[in-house]
Amino acid sequence: MNDRTLNTLLAVPTALAAGVLPPTGGVTVAPETGFDIVATVSTGPSSADGVRDCRTSPEPATAQAPDGLAIDRQTVKVEWLNARGSDNGYHITYDDHVAVTDGVRDERRVMRIAVTTHACSFKGVRGNSGRSTVRVTGTYVPAP
């Protein structure tokens, strides 16, 4: 995995897929200090012959750092709001990097985050529909 892109398609534990979710925190973030985005996707039911309906969100949920700020990757948190079906996951991509050189080290600051979700309907003949919803929050730091 390269450090510029977090490419995690995480499987949700069976408890989450069954709809047993941990309590949610209802985070609200002021736009000038951080971001709060929600990505979701829903599926139809499985077919009469048991073929699951699997989908990935067609457009990512995104946040762009305001001028003079960058996304602090160390503060990015993911909270599952809904995980229904036989397969659930999410994918986070960090884009629009800005180089920072202070004479001691070189690093790249992230200016944009994008989140997509994936879900499949339940297994079996006419299995119920699926849904994945995640909330991704984080804060900004001063950019060069």
Protein backbone atom coordinates (compact mmCIF):
# COMPACT_ATOMS: atom_id res chain seq x y z
CA MET A 1 0.00 0.00 0.00
CA ASN A 2 1.47 3.37 -0.90
CA ASP A 3 1.29 6.16 1.64
CA ARG A 4 -0.32 8.68 -0.72
CA THR A 5 -3.46 6.65 -1.12
CA LEU A 6 -5.16 4.73 1.61
CA ASN A 7 -6.72 1.91 -0.33
CA THR A 8 -8.72 0.06 2.26
CA LEU A 9 -11.71 -1.96 1.37
CA LEU A 10 -12.56 -3.21 4.80
CA ALA A 11 -14.84 -6.12 5.46
CA VAL A 12 -17.34 -5.40 8.16
CA PRO A 13 -17.56 -7.94 10.97
CA THR A 14 -20.54 -10.27 10.93
CA ALA A 15 -22.17 -8.32 13.76
CA LEU A 16 -22.21 -5.18 11.62
CA ALA A 17 -23.53 -7.01 8.57
CA ALA A 18 -26.35 -8.35 10.73
CA GLY A 19 -27.26 -4.79 11.66
CA VAL A 20 -25.74 -4.77 15.16
CA LEU A 21 -23.87 -1.48 15.07
CA PRO A 22 -21.86 0.28 17.74
CA PRO A 23 -23.41 3.50 19.07
CA THR A 24 -22.82 6.53 16.86
CA GLY A 25 -21.38 9.75 18.15
CA GLY A 26 -23.27 12.40 16.17
CA VAL A 27 -20.13 14.41 15.38
CA THR A 28 -20.56 17.96 14.12
CA VAL A 29 -17.51 19.78 12.79
CA ALA A 30 -17.28 23.49 11.93
CA PRO A 31 -16.26 23.82 8.24
CA GLU A 32 -13.31 26.10 9.06
CA THR A 33 -11.73 23.55 11.45
CA GLY A 34 -12.58 20.21 9.84
CA PHE A 35 -14.84 18.13 7.65
CA ASP A 36 -17.75 15.74 8.15
CA ILE A 37 -18.81 13.75 5.07
CA VAL A 38 -21.17 10.80 4.62
CA ALA A 39 -20.88 8.20 1.85
CA THR A 40 -23.67 5.72 1.17
CA VAL A 41 -24.83 3.13 -1.32
CA SER A 42 -27.91 0.88 -1.43
CA THR A 43 -28.62 -2.29 -3.40
CA GLY A 44 -31.69 -4.10 -4.57
CA PRO A 45 -32.55 -7.58 -3.29
CA SER A 46 -30.87 -10.76 -4.53
CA SER A 47 -32.51 -12.35 -7.57
CA ALA A 48 -34.90 -15.31 -7.69
CA ASP A 49 -31.95 -17.57 -8.54
CA GLY A 50 -29.81 -16.20 -5.67
CA VAL A 51 -27.55 -13.77 -7.56
CA ARG A 52 -26.60 -10.94 -5.20
CA ASP A 53 -26.92 -7.29 -6.19
CA CYS A 54 -23.56 -5.60 -5.44
CA ARG A 55 -22.94 -1.89 -5.91
CA THR A 56 -20.32 0.77 -5.25
CA SER A 57 -21.34 4.39 -4.72
CA PRO A 58 -21.32 6.02 -8.19
CA GLU A 59 -19.84 9.30 -6.97
CA PRO A 60 -17.48 9.71 -4.02
CA ALA A 61 -18.33 11.92 -1.07
CA THR A 62 -15.54 14.51 -0.94
CA ALA A 63 -14.08 17.27 1.20
CA GLN A 64 -11.65 19.90 -0.05
CA ALA A 65 -9.42 21.78 2.39
CA PRO A 66 -10.04 25.55 2.36
CA ASP A 67 -7.30 27.90 1.16
CA GLY A 68 -4.36 27.94 3.56
CA LEU A 69 -5.29 24.61 5.18
CA ALA A 70 -4.62 20.90 4.53
CA ILE A 71 -6.27 17.69 5.76
CA ASP A 72 -4.59 16.18 8.82
CA ARG A 73 -4.53 12.46 7.93
CA GLN A 74 -3.81 11.51 11.55
CA THR A 75 -7.22 12.80 12.65
CA VAL A 76 -9.33 11.04 9.99
CA LYS A 77 -11.92 8.77 11.62
CA VAL A 78 -14.50 6.45 10.06
CA GLU A 79 -17.81 5.64 11.75
CA TRP A 80 -20.20 3.00 10.39
CA LEU A 81 -23.76 4.35 10.33
CA ASN A 82 -25.32 1.45 8.42
CA ALA A 83 -23.98 -1.93 7.32
CA ARG A 84 -26.66 -4.22 5.95
CA GLY A 85 -26.17 -7.14 3.56
CA SER A 86 -23.58 -9.82 2.94
CA ASP A 87 -20.62 -7.60 2.04
CA ASN A 88 -19.90 -4.03 3.13
CA GLY A 89 -16.84 -1.83 2.78
CA TYR A 90 -15.43 1.61 2.10
CA HIS A 91 -12.50 3.11 0.21
CA ILE A 92 -10.69 6.34 1.11
CA THR A 93 -8.49 8.22 -1.35
CA TYR A 94 -6.31 11.22 -0.52
CA ASP A 95 -5.68 13.59 -3.47
CA ASP A 96 -4.25 16.96 -4.45
CA HIS A 97 -1.00 16.74 -2.51
CA VAL A 98 1.11 19.83 -1.81
CA ALA A 99 4.84 19.44 -1.19
CA VAL A 100 6.19 20.82 2.08
CA THR A 101 9.94 21.23 2.56
CA ASP A 102 11.30 22.75 5.75
CA GLY A 103 14.98 21.93 5.22
CA VAL A 104 14.81 18.96 7.60
CA ARG A 105 12.21 16.74 5.97
CA ASP A 106 10.04 16.56 2.89
CA GLU A 107 6.38 15.68 3.17
CA ARG A 108 3.21 16.06 1.19
CA ARG A 109 0.07 17.62 2.61
CA VAL A 110 -3.34 16.36 1.50
CA MET A 111 -5.84 18.88 0.15
CA ARG A 112 -8.75 16.56 -0.79
CA ILE A 113 -10.33 13.37 0.59
CA ALA A 114 -12.80 11.15 -1.30
CA VAL A 115 -14.85 8.27 0.15
CA THR A 116 -16.82 5.55 -1.65
CA THR A 117 -18.80 2.69 -0.16
CA HIS A 118 -19.61 -0.83 -1.34
CA ALA A 119 -22.55 -3.12 -0.44
CA CYS A 120 -24.08 -6.43 -1.55
CA SER A 121 -27.55 -7.76 -0.88
CA PHE A 122 -27.97 -10.69 1.50
CA LYS A 123 -27.06 -14.14 0.16
CA GLY A 124 -29.76 -16.55 -0.88
CA VAL A 125 -32.84 -16.61 -3.05
CA ARG A 126 -34.46 -13.16 -2.94
CA GLY A 127 -32.15 -12.06 -0.12
CA ASN A 128 -32.93 -8.63 1.30
CA SER A 129 -31.26 -5.49 -0.04
CA GLY A 130 -27.94 -4.19 1.25
CA ARG A 131 -26.68 -0.80 2.35
CA SER A 132 -23.39 0.74 3.47
CA THR A 133 -23.16 4.19 5.04
CA VAL A 134 -20.06 5.66 6.67
CA ARG A 135 -19.32 9.04 8.21
CA VAL A 136 -15.75 10.29 7.79
CA THR A 137 -14.53 13.18 9.92
CA GLY A 138 -11.23 14.93 10.38
CA THR A 139 -9.54 18.25 10.99
CA TYR A 140 -7.43 20.69 9.02
CA VAL A 141 -3.90 21.92 9.72
CA PRO A 142 -2.19 25.02 8.34
CA ALA A 143 -0.79 24.41 4.87
CA PRO A 144 2.40 25.98 3.59
